């Protein structure tokens, strides 16, 4: 996640056979970073949190999506950054951000989430409805 090489063994462990191509000289692109972020779904150290938060703005959408999933699982309190991710150009990133917001969103986030109920992507609309309902329930707000 920090852009440093964690070594051949780690890369093979998190990337499997796909990592062999990179080790043999194929362009790495974003794959090692993605695999590193995905590994944080299974192992965790609080020192990784700032890198996950930075990853929410990565140029590679797969990393942005995975970091939002890590934020959700590890309960990193970054609701304002998740709100921004609900407008990402990639629907899968918007869905991951909305799913994370369902667990930590605030009352002031509901209008932004409500906008996503009219998203062109049906999965985003579904995630927005679930996020809004979860926040309303969690905060014991009146139902609309």
N, C-alpha and C. Protein backbone atom coordinates (compact mmCIF):
# COMPACT_ATOMS: atom_id res chain seq x y z
N UNK A 1 0.82 -1.19 0.00
CA UNK A 1 0.00 0.00 0.00
C UNK A 1 0.86 1.26 0.00
N UNK A 2 2.05 1.18 0.53
CA UNK A 2 2.93 2.35 0.59
C UNK A 2 3.77 2.48 -0.67
N UNK A 3 3.57 1.58 -1.62
CA UNK A 3 4.35 1.64 -2.85
C UNK A 3 5.73 1.01 -2.71
N UNK A 4 5.94 0.27 -1.64
CA UNK A 4 7.21 -0.40 -1.44
C UNK A 4 7.06 -1.88 -1.72
N UNK A 5 8.13 -2.50 -2.15
CA UNK A 5 8.11 -3.92 -2.45
C UNK A 5 8.25 -4.71 -1.15
N UNK A 6 7.23 -5.50 -0.85
CA UNK A 6 7.23 -6.29 0.39
C UNK A 6 7.96 -7.61 0.21
N UNK A 7 8.46 -7.87 -0.99
CA UNK A 7 9.22 -9.09 -1.22
C UNK A 7 8.47 -10.13 -2.03
N UNK A 8 9.24 -11.01 -2.62
CA UNK A 8 8.71 -12.04 -3.50
C UNK A 8 7.71 -12.94 -2.78
N UNK A 9 8.06 -13.41 -1.59
CA UNK A 9 7.18 -14.34 -0.88
C UNK A 9 5.82 -13.71 -0.58
N UNK A 10 5.84 -12.47 -0.12
CA UNK A 10 4.58 -11.80 0.18
C UNK A 10 3.76 -11.61 -1.09
N UNK A 11 4.41 -11.18 -2.15
CA UNK A 11 3.70 -10.95 -3.41
C UNK A 11 3.07 -12.24 -3.92
N UNK A 12 3.80 -13.33 -3.83
CA UNK A 12 3.24 -14.62 -4.26
C UNK A 12 2.09 -15.05 -3.35
N UNK A 13 2.20 -14.76 -2.08
CA UNK A 13 1.14 -15.15 -1.16
C UNK A 13 -0.14 -14.38 -1.43
N UNK A 14 -0.05 -13.07 -1.58
CA UNK A 14 -1.26 -12.26 -1.76
C UNK A 14 -1.75 -12.23 -3.21
N UNK A 15 -0.84 -12.44 -4.16
CA UNK A 15 -1.23 -12.37 -5.56
C UNK A 15 -1.37 -13.71 -6.25
N UNK A 16 -0.93 -14.76 -5.59
CA UNK A 16 -1.03 -16.09 -6.18
C UNK A 16 -0.26 -16.20 -7.48
N UNK A 17 -0.74 -17.04 -8.36
CA UNK A 17 -0.03 -17.28 -9.63
C UNK A 17 0.05 -16.02 -10.49
N UNK A 18 -0.87 -15.10 -10.29
CA UNK A 18 -0.85 -13.86 -11.06
C UNK A 18 0.39 -13.02 -10.74
N UNK A 19 0.89 -13.18 -9.53
CA UNK A 19 2.08 -12.43 -9.13
C UNK A 19 3.32 -12.90 -9.89
N UNK A 20 3.30 -14.13 -10.37
CA UNK A 20 4.45 -14.64 -11.12
C UNK A 20 4.75 -13.76 -12.33
N UNK A 21 3.71 -13.32 -13.01
CA UNK A 21 3.92 -12.46 -14.18
C UNK A 21 4.66 -11.19 -13.82
N UNK A 22 4.28 -10.61 -12.72
CA UNK A 22 4.95 -9.38 -12.27
C UNK A 22 6.39 -9.67 -11.90
N UNK A 23 6.60 -10.78 -11.22
CA UNK A 23 7.96 -11.15 -10.82
C UNK A 23 8.84 -11.47 -12.03
N UNK A 24 8.18 -11.87 -13.12
CA UNK A 24 8.92 -12.18 -14.35
C UNK A 24 9.04 -10.98 -15.27
N UNK A 25 8.58 -9.81 -14.81
CA UNK A 25 8.80 -8.59 -15.57
C UNK A 25 7.60 -7.91 -16.17
N UNK A 26 6.40 -8.48 -16.01
CA UNK A 26 5.20 -7.83 -16.53
C UNK A 26 4.97 -6.54 -15.74
N UNK A 27 4.34 -5.54 -16.37
CA UNK A 27 4.06 -4.30 -15.63
C UNK A 27 3.18 -4.58 -14.41
N UNK A 28 3.54 -4.01 -13.29
CA UNK A 28 2.80 -4.25 -12.05
C UNK A 28 1.46 -3.52 -12.03
N UNK A 29 1.40 -2.39 -12.75
CA UNK A 29 0.20 -1.55 -12.72
C UNK A 29 -0.20 -1.29 -11.27
N UNK A 30 -1.40 -1.66 -10.91
CA UNK A 30 -1.90 -1.42 -9.55
C UNK A 30 -2.05 -2.71 -8.75
N UNK A 31 -1.75 -3.85 -9.36
CA UNK A 31 -2.05 -5.13 -8.72
C UNK A 31 -1.40 -5.34 -7.35
N UNK A 32 -0.12 -5.08 -7.18
CA UNK A 32 0.44 -5.29 -5.83
C UNK A 32 -0.24 -4.44 -4.76
N UNK A 33 -0.58 -3.20 -5.09
CA UNK A 33 -1.30 -2.35 -4.13
C UNK A 33 -2.68 -2.93 -3.82
N UNK A 34 -3.35 -3.41 -4.85
CA UNK A 34 -4.67 -4.00 -4.64
C UNK A 34 -4.56 -5.23 -3.75
N UNK A 35 -3.59 -6.08 -4.05
CA UNK A 35 -3.42 -7.29 -3.24
C UNK A 35 -3.07 -6.93 -1.80
N UNK A 36 -2.27 -5.89 -1.63
CA UNK A 36 -1.94 -5.45 -0.27
C UNK A 36 -3.18 -4.97 0.47
N UNK A 37 -4.02 -4.20 -0.22
CA UNK A 37 -5.25 -3.73 0.41
C UNK A 37 -6.17 -4.90 0.74
N UNK A 38 -6.28 -5.84 -0.19
CA UNK A 38 -7.14 -7.00 0.04
C UNK A 38 -6.65 -7.83 1.22
N UNK A 39 -5.33 -7.92 1.39
CA UNK A 39 -4.77 -8.67 2.53
C UNK A 39 -5.24 -8.07 3.85
N UNK A 40 -5.50 -6.75 3.85
CA UNK A 40 -5.94 -6.09 5.09
C UNK A 40 -7.36 -6.47 5.48
N UNK A 41 -8.06 -7.17 4.61
CA UNK A 41 -9.36 -7.73 5.00
C UNK A 41 -9.15 -8.92 5.93
N UNK A 42 -7.97 -9.51 5.87
CA UNK A 42 -7.70 -10.75 6.63
C UNK A 42 -6.74 -10.56 7.79
N UNK A 43 -5.84 -9.61 7.67
CA UNK A 43 -4.89 -9.29 8.74
C UNK A 43 -4.92 -7.79 8.94
N UNK A 44 -4.64 -7.36 10.16
CA UNK A 44 -4.76 -5.93 10.41
C UNK A 44 -3.74 -5.47 11.43
N UNK A 45 -3.27 -4.25 11.18
CA UNK A 45 -2.46 -3.51 12.13
C UNK A 45 -2.89 -2.06 11.98
N UNK A 46 -3.10 -1.38 13.08
CA UNK A 46 -3.58 0.01 13.01
C UNK A 46 -2.65 0.92 12.22
N UNK A 47 -1.39 0.54 12.09
CA UNK A 47 -0.46 1.38 11.32
C UNK A 47 -0.82 1.43 9.84
N UNK A 48 -1.67 0.52 9.38
CA UNK A 48 -2.09 0.50 7.98
C UNK A 48 -3.20 1.51 7.69
N UNK A 49 -3.88 1.97 8.72
CA UNK A 49 -5.05 2.83 8.54
C UNK A 49 -4.79 4.06 7.65
N UNK A 50 -3.72 4.82 7.87
CA UNK A 50 -3.53 6.01 7.01
C UNK A 50 -3.36 5.66 5.54
N UNK A 51 -2.77 4.52 5.25
CA UNK A 51 -2.56 4.10 3.86
C UNK A 51 -3.87 3.68 3.21
N UNK A 52 -4.75 3.09 4.01
CA UNK A 52 -6.08 2.72 3.50
C UNK A 52 -6.86 3.99 3.17
N UNK A 53 -6.79 4.96 4.04
CA UNK A 53 -7.51 6.22 3.82
C UNK A 53 -6.98 6.91 2.56
N UNK A 54 -5.68 6.95 2.39
CA UNK A 54 -5.09 7.53 1.17
C UNK A 54 -5.53 6.74 -0.06
N UNK A 55 -5.66 5.43 0.10
CA UNK A 55 -6.08 4.57 -1.01
C UNK A 55 -7.48 4.87 -1.52
N UNK A 56 -8.30 5.52 -0.71
CA UNK A 56 -9.64 5.90 -1.17
C UNK A 56 -9.58 6.89 -2.34
N UNK A 57 -8.42 7.52 -2.53
CA UNK A 57 -8.25 8.49 -3.62
C UNK A 57 -7.28 7.99 -4.69
N UNK A 58 -6.94 6.72 -4.66
CA UNK A 58 -6.01 6.16 -5.63
C UNK A 58 -6.56 6.31 -7.05
N UNK A 59 -5.68 6.44 -8.02
CA UNK A 59 -6.17 6.58 -9.40
C UNK A 59 -6.78 5.30 -9.94
N UNK A 60 -6.44 4.16 -9.36
CA UNK A 60 -7.00 2.87 -9.80
C UNK A 60 -8.30 2.59 -9.04
N UNK A 61 -9.37 2.42 -9.77
CA UNK A 61 -10.67 2.24 -9.12
C UNK A 61 -10.72 0.99 -8.27
N UNK A 62 -10.03 -0.05 -8.67
CA UNK A 62 -10.06 -1.29 -7.88
C UNK A 62 -9.47 -1.07 -6.48
N UNK A 63 -8.47 -0.22 -6.40
CA UNK A 63 -7.87 0.09 -5.09
C UNK A 63 -8.84 0.95 -4.27
N UNK A 64 -9.48 1.92 -4.91
CA UNK A 64 -10.46 2.74 -4.19
C UNK A 64 -11.57 1.86 -3.63
N UNK A 65 -12.05 0.94 -4.45
CA UNK A 65 -13.12 0.04 -4.00
C UNK A 65 -12.64 -0.82 -2.83
N UNK A 66 -11.47 -1.42 -2.95
CA UNK A 66 -10.97 -2.31 -1.90
C UNK A 66 -10.72 -1.54 -0.61
N UNK A 67 -10.21 -0.33 -0.72
CA UNK A 67 -9.97 0.47 0.48
C UNK A 67 -11.28 0.82 1.18
N UNK A 68 -12.33 1.07 0.43
CA UNK A 68 -13.64 1.32 1.04
C UNK A 68 -14.13 0.07 1.77
N UNK A 69 -13.86 -1.09 1.21
CA UNK A 69 -14.24 -2.34 1.88
C UNK A 69 -13.44 -2.54 3.17
N UNK A 70 -12.17 -2.20 3.13
CA UNK A 70 -11.33 -2.30 4.34
C UNK A 70 -11.82 -1.30 5.38
N UNK A 71 -12.15 -0.08 4.95
CA UNK A 71 -12.68 0.94 5.87
C UNK A 71 -13.92 0.39 6.58
N UNK A 72 -14.79 -0.27 5.83
CA UNK A 72 -16.01 -0.81 6.41
C UNK A 72 -15.68 -1.91 7.43
N UNK A 73 -14.86 -2.86 7.03
CA UNK A 73 -14.55 -3.99 7.91
C UNK A 73 -13.79 -3.55 9.15
N UNK A 74 -12.84 -2.64 8.98
CA UNK A 74 -11.98 -2.23 10.10
C UNK A 74 -12.54 -1.04 10.86
N UNK A 75 -13.74 -0.60 10.44
CA UNK A 75 -14.45 0.49 11.13
C UNK A 75 -13.60 1.75 11.28
N UNK A 76 -12.93 2.12 10.19
CA UNK A 76 -12.15 3.36 10.21
C UNK A 76 -13.12 4.53 10.07
N UNK A 77 -13.05 5.46 10.96
CA UNK A 77 -14.01 6.56 11.01
C UNK A 77 -13.61 7.65 10.02
N UNK A 78 -14.09 7.51 8.79
CA UNK A 78 -13.73 8.45 7.73
C UNK A 78 -14.97 8.81 6.89
N UNK A 79 -16.08 9.01 7.56
CA UNK A 79 -17.34 9.28 6.84
C UNK A 79 -17.23 10.37 5.79
N UNK A 80 -16.56 11.51 6.06
CA UNK A 80 -16.48 12.54 5.01
C UNK A 80 -15.79 12.05 3.73
N UNK A 81 -14.79 11.21 3.87
CA UNK A 81 -14.12 10.68 2.67
C UNK A 81 -15.01 9.69 1.95
N UNK A 82 -15.81 8.95 2.69
CA UNK A 82 -16.75 8.02 2.07
C UNK A 82 -17.84 8.77 1.33
N UNK A 83 -18.29 9.87 1.91
CA UNK A 83 -19.31 10.69 1.24
C UNK A 83 -18.78 11.13 -0.12
N UNK A 84 -17.53 11.57 -0.15
CA UNK A 84 -16.92 11.98 -1.43
C UNK A 84 -16.90 10.81 -2.42
N UNK A 85 -16.61 9.61 -1.91
CA UNK A 85 -16.52 8.43 -2.79
C UNK A 85 -17.88 8.02 -3.35
N UNK A 86 -18.97 8.52 -2.78
CA UNK A 86 -20.29 8.17 -3.33
C UNK A 86 -20.52 8.82 -4.69
N UNK A 87 -19.64 9.73 -5.09
CA UNK A 87 -19.75 10.36 -6.41
C UNK A 87 -18.67 9.86 -7.36
N UNK A 88 -17.97 8.80 -6.99
CA UNK A 88 -16.91 8.25 -7.83
C UNK A 88 -17.48 7.89 -9.21
N UNK A 89 -16.64 7.94 -10.21
CA UNK A 89 -17.08 7.64 -11.57
C UNK A 89 -17.40 6.16 -11.76
N UNK A 90 -16.90 5.29 -10.88
CA UNK A 90 -17.09 3.85 -11.02
C UNK A 90 -18.17 3.37 -10.05
N UNK A 91 -19.22 2.74 -10.56
CA UNK A 91 -20.31 2.29 -9.69
C UNK A 91 -19.86 1.38 -8.54
N UNK A 92 -18.92 0.50 -8.78
CA UNK A 92 -18.48 -0.41 -7.72
C UNK A 92 -17.84 0.35 -6.56
N UNK A 93 -17.18 1.45 -6.85
CA UNK A 93 -16.60 2.27 -5.78
C UNK A 93 -17.72 2.97 -5.02
N UNK A 94 -18.72 3.46 -5.74
CA UNK A 94 -19.86 4.11 -5.08
C UNK A 94 -20.57 3.12 -4.16
N UNK A 95 -20.76 1.90 -4.62
CA UNK A 95 -21.43 0.87 -3.80
C UNK A 95 -20.61 0.59 -2.54
N UNK A 96 -19.30 0.40 -2.69
CA UNK A 96 -18.45 0.12 -1.52
C UNK A 96 -18.49 1.28 -0.53
N UNK A 97 -18.47 2.50 -1.02
CA UNK A 97 -18.54 3.67 -0.14
C UNK A 97 -19.88 3.72 0.59
N UNK A 98 -20.96 3.46 -0.12
CA UNK A 98 -22.28 3.47 0.51
C UNK A 98 -22.42 2.36 1.55
N UNK A 99 -21.87 1.19 1.25
CA UNK A 99 -21.91 0.09 2.22
C UNK A 99 -21.17 0.47 3.50
N UNK A 100 -20.03 1.12 3.36
CA UNK A 100 -19.28 1.56 4.53
C UNK A 100 -20.02 2.67 5.27
N UNK A 101 -20.65 3.56 4.53
CA UNK A 101 -21.42 4.64 5.17
C UNK A 101 -22.60 4.09 5.97
N UNK A 102 -23.14 2.97 5.55
CA UNK A 102 -24.25 2.37 6.30
C UNK A 102 -23.86 2.14 7.75
N UNK A 103 -22.59 1.84 7.98
CA UNK A 103 -22.12 1.56 9.34
C UNK A 103 -21.65 2.78 10.11
N UNK A 104 -21.27 3.84 9.39
CA UNK A 104 -20.71 4.99 10.12
C UNK A 104 -21.26 6.33 9.68
N UNK A 105 -22.16 6.32 8.72
CA UNK A 105 -22.70 7.58 8.24
C UNK A 105 -23.40 8.36 9.33
N UNK A 106 -23.44 9.66 9.14
CA UNK A 106 -24.05 10.58 10.10
C UNK A 106 -25.35 11.13 9.53
N UNK A 107 -26.11 11.76 10.36
CA UNK A 107 -27.38 12.32 9.90
C UNK A 107 -27.16 13.29 8.75
N UNK A 108 -26.11 14.09 8.82
CA UNK A 108 -25.85 15.07 7.76
C UNK A 108 -25.43 14.41 6.44
N UNK A 109 -25.14 13.11 6.46
CA UNK A 109 -24.78 12.41 5.23
C UNK A 109 -26.00 11.91 4.46
N UNK A 110 -27.14 11.88 5.10
CA UNK A 110 -28.34 11.31 4.48
C UNK A 110 -28.71 12.02 3.18
N UNK A 111 -28.68 13.36 3.09
CA UNK A 111 -29.03 13.99 1.81
C UNK A 111 -28.12 13.54 0.66
N UNK A 112 -26.84 13.40 0.93
CA UNK A 112 -25.91 12.94 -0.12
C UNK A 112 -26.24 11.52 -0.54
N UNK A 113 -26.55 10.68 0.44
CA UNK A 113 -26.91 9.30 0.14
C UNK A 113 -28.22 9.25 -0.64
N UNK A 114 -29.15 10.10 -0.28
CA UNK A 114 -30.46 10.13 -0.94
C UNK A 114 -30.32 10.47 -2.43
N UNK A 115 -29.36 11.31 -2.77
CA UNK A 115 -29.11 11.64 -4.18
C UNK A 115 -28.78 10.37 -4.97
N UNK A 116 -28.10 9.43 -4.34
CA UNK A 116 -27.70 8.20 -5.02
C UNK A 116 -28.89 7.27 -5.27
N UNK A 117 -30.04 7.57 -4.69
CA UNK A 117 -31.23 6.77 -4.97
C UNK A 117 -31.67 6.94 -6.42
N UNK A 118 -31.14 7.96 -7.09
CA UNK A 118 -31.45 8.21 -8.50
C UNK A 118 -30.23 7.92 -9.39
N UNK A 119 -29.29 7.19 -8.86
CA UNK A 119 -28.08 6.85 -9.61
C UNK A 119 -28.45 6.01 -10.84
N UNK A 120 -27.72 6.14 -11.93
CA UNK A 120 -28.01 5.33 -13.12
C UNK A 120 -27.78 3.83 -12.90
N UNK A 121 -26.97 3.48 -11.91
CA UNK A 121 -26.64 2.07 -11.67
C UNK A 121 -27.56 1.49 -10.59
N UNK A 122 -28.21 0.38 -10.89
CA UNK A 122 -29.17 -0.20 -9.93
C UNK A 122 -28.51 -0.69 -8.66
N UNK A 123 -27.27 -1.18 -8.74
CA UNK A 123 -26.59 -1.63 -7.53
C UNK A 123 -26.27 -0.45 -6.60
N UNK A 124 -25.97 0.68 -7.19
CA UNK A 124 -25.72 1.88 -6.39
C UNK A 124 -27.03 2.33 -5.73
N UNK A 125 -28.12 2.31 -6.48
CA UNK A 125 -29.42 2.69 -5.90
C UNK A 125 -29.78 1.78 -4.72
N UNK A 126 -29.55 0.48 -4.89
CA UNK A 126 -29.85 -0.48 -3.83
C UNK A 126 -28.97 -0.21 -2.60
N UNK A 127 -27.68 0.02 -2.82
CA UNK A 127 -26.76 0.30 -1.70
C UNK A 127 -27.15 1.60 -1.01
N UNK A 128 -27.59 2.60 -1.77
CA UNK A 128 -28.00 3.87 -1.18
C UNK A 128 -29.22 3.68 -0.29
N UNK A 129 -30.18 2.93 -0.76
CA UNK A 129 -31.38 2.67 0.05
C UNK A 129 -31.01 1.95 1.34
N UNK A 130 -30.17 0.94 1.23
CA UNK A 130 -29.76 0.19 2.41
C UNK A 130 -28.95 1.06 3.37
N UNK A 131 -28.07 1.91 2.84
CA UNK A 131 -27.28 2.80 3.69
C UNK A 131 -28.17 3.79 4.41
N UNK A 132 -29.10 4.39 3.67
CA UNK A 132 -30.01 5.36 4.31
C UNK A 132 -30.83 4.69 5.40
N UNK A 133 -31.38 3.52 5.10
CA UNK A 133 -32.18 2.80 6.10
C UNK A 133 -31.35 2.44 7.32
N UNK A 134 -30.11 2.02 7.10
CA UNK A 134 -29.24 1.62 8.21
C UNK A 134 -28.91 2.81 9.11
N UNK A 135 -28.63 3.96 8.50
CA UNK A 135 -28.31 5.15 9.28
C UNK A 135 -29.52 5.61 10.08
N UNK A 136 -30.66 5.65 9.43
CA UNK A 136 -31.90 6.05 10.11
C UNK A 136 -32.17 5.13 11.31
N UNK A 137 -31.99 3.84 11.10
CA UNK A 137 -32.22 2.87 12.18
C UNK A 137 -31.16 3.02 13.28
N UNK A 138 -29.90 3.09 12.89
CA UNK A 138 -28.80 3.16 13.87
C UNK A 138 -28.89 4.41 14.72
N UNK A 139 -29.27 5.53 14.11
CA UNK A 139 -29.36 6.80 14.84
C UNK A 139 -30.75 7.05 15.42
N UNK A 140 -31.65 6.08 15.20
CA UNK A 140 -33.02 6.18 15.72
C UNK A 140 -33.69 7.47 15.24
N UNK A 141 -33.55 7.73 13.94
CA UNK A 141 -34.15 8.92 13.33
C UNK A 141 -35.56 8.58 12.84
N UNK A 142 -36.42 9.57 12.71
CA UNK A 142 -37.76 9.29 12.17
C UNK A 142 -37.67 8.84 10.71
N UNK A 143 -38.50 7.88 10.37
CA UNK A 143 -38.53 7.39 8.98
C UNK A 143 -39.30 8.36 8.13
N UNK A 144 -38.84 8.53 6.89
CA UNK A 144 -39.50 9.47 5.98
C UNK A 144 -40.77 8.91 5.43
